[in-house]
Amino acid sequence: MFVLGIDPGLTRCGFGLIESGPGETVRALRAGVFETSPRETPESRLISLARDLTELLDEVRPDVVVVEKVFFQKNARTAMPVTQASGIAVGLAGLRGAIVRQFTSQEMKLAVCGYGAASKEQIQEMVTLLLHLTEAPRPADAADALGLALTYLRVAPRERRLAEAQP
């Protein structure tokens, strides 16, 4: 199974592809970021991101796409572009027939680090350890995306067992 994590953002959108093999083996296949320039209009930046995500989804054909669920805190103005980027990722993945899931940053941190308030550095360290990488994924957006993919692999089996136990 191929799981693609997406850490949405308009300036930097992280992505991380992992493969789940027999048993509980996992390996990172690819990670990085798509970047857009703040000098461009928001509309052209969203179009550029949509093109980049379209190419990635068509190339890697993931079974599951996990997008960070946007959680509004104080600044709705900065959260709006992230929400728009998230919507693009969810829509494009769904149109391709992938299973689409969303987890908040806190849910990902809890699943990957065991602590819902883990730092960016802690996420990078745990992703490196869990995926047996030789070095931490950089920038942090790429590590977060890999963490989102790992979260799905940790949560989905438990959800299946709970669903099967329901009468």
Foldseek 3Di string as FASTA:
>chain_A
DKEKFWEFALQKIKIWIKDADPDGAIATDDIDIDGDDPVDDLVVSLVVLLVVLLVVCVVPVGQEYEYEDQDDDPDVPRSVSRVSRRVSNQVSCVVSVHHYHYHHQQLLCCQQVVGSVDDLVSLQVSLCVRNVHPHGDPDSNRSSRSSRRVSCVRVVVVVVVVVVPDD
